[in-house]
Protein backbone atom coordinates (compact mmCIF):
# COMPACT_ATOMS: atom_id res chain seq x y z
CA MET A 1 12.63 4.43 -3.47
CA TYR A 2 10.88 7.78 -3.19
CA ASP A 3 8.89 7.06 -6.36
CA TYR A 4 7.87 3.71 -4.89
CA ILE A 5 6.57 5.40 -1.75
CA LYS A 6 4.60 7.88 -3.85
CA LYS A 7 3.07 5.02 -5.84
CA VAL A 8 2.11 3.29 -2.60
CA GLU A 9 0.47 6.47 -1.32
CA LEU A 10 -1.37 6.95 -4.61
CA ALA A 11 -2.55 3.34 -4.71
CA HIS A 12 -3.66 3.54 -1.09
CA SER A 13 -5.67 6.70 -1.76
CA VAL A 14 -7.31 4.97 -4.73
CA PHE A 15 -8.14 1.88 -2.69
CA HIS A 16 -9.39 4.04 0.18
CA GLY A 17 -11.56 5.99 -2.24
CA THR A 18 -13.38 2.82 -3.29
CA GLY A 19 -14.47 2.26 0.29
CA ASN A 20 -13.67 -1.42 -0.11
CA TYR A 21 -12.44 -2.51 3.33
CA PHE A 22 -11.14 -5.87 2.12
CA ARG A 23 -9.09 -4.34 -0.67
CA GLU A 24 -7.61 -1.72 1.62
CA THR A 25 -6.71 -4.29 4.27
CA PHE A 26 -5.21 -6.62 1.66
CA PHE A 27 -3.14 -3.85 0.10
CA ASN A 28 -1.89 -2.65 3.49
CA SER A 29 -0.77 -6.15 4.44
CA VAL A 30 1.02 -6.65 1.10
CA ALA A 31 2.66 -3.22 1.31
CA GLY A 32 3.72 -3.96 4.89
CA ILE A 33 5.34 -7.22 3.81
CA PHE A 34 7.25 -5.54 0.98
CA PHE A 35 8.29 -2.72 3.31
CA CYS A 36 9.64 -5.19 5.86
CA LEU A 37 11.50 -7.12 3.16
CA SER A 38 13.07 -3.96 1.75
CA TYR A 39 13.86 -2.70 5.25
CA PHE A 40 15.75 -5.83 6.27
């Protein structure tokens, strides 16, 4: 699980680096959904 979180952080930093607002928003929503699913 820790590795997954690190991958999410890395991917987010990459997406954020592109400056593409749509990509960042899309990734955050997808990551949020997966986080909720894994949490419950």
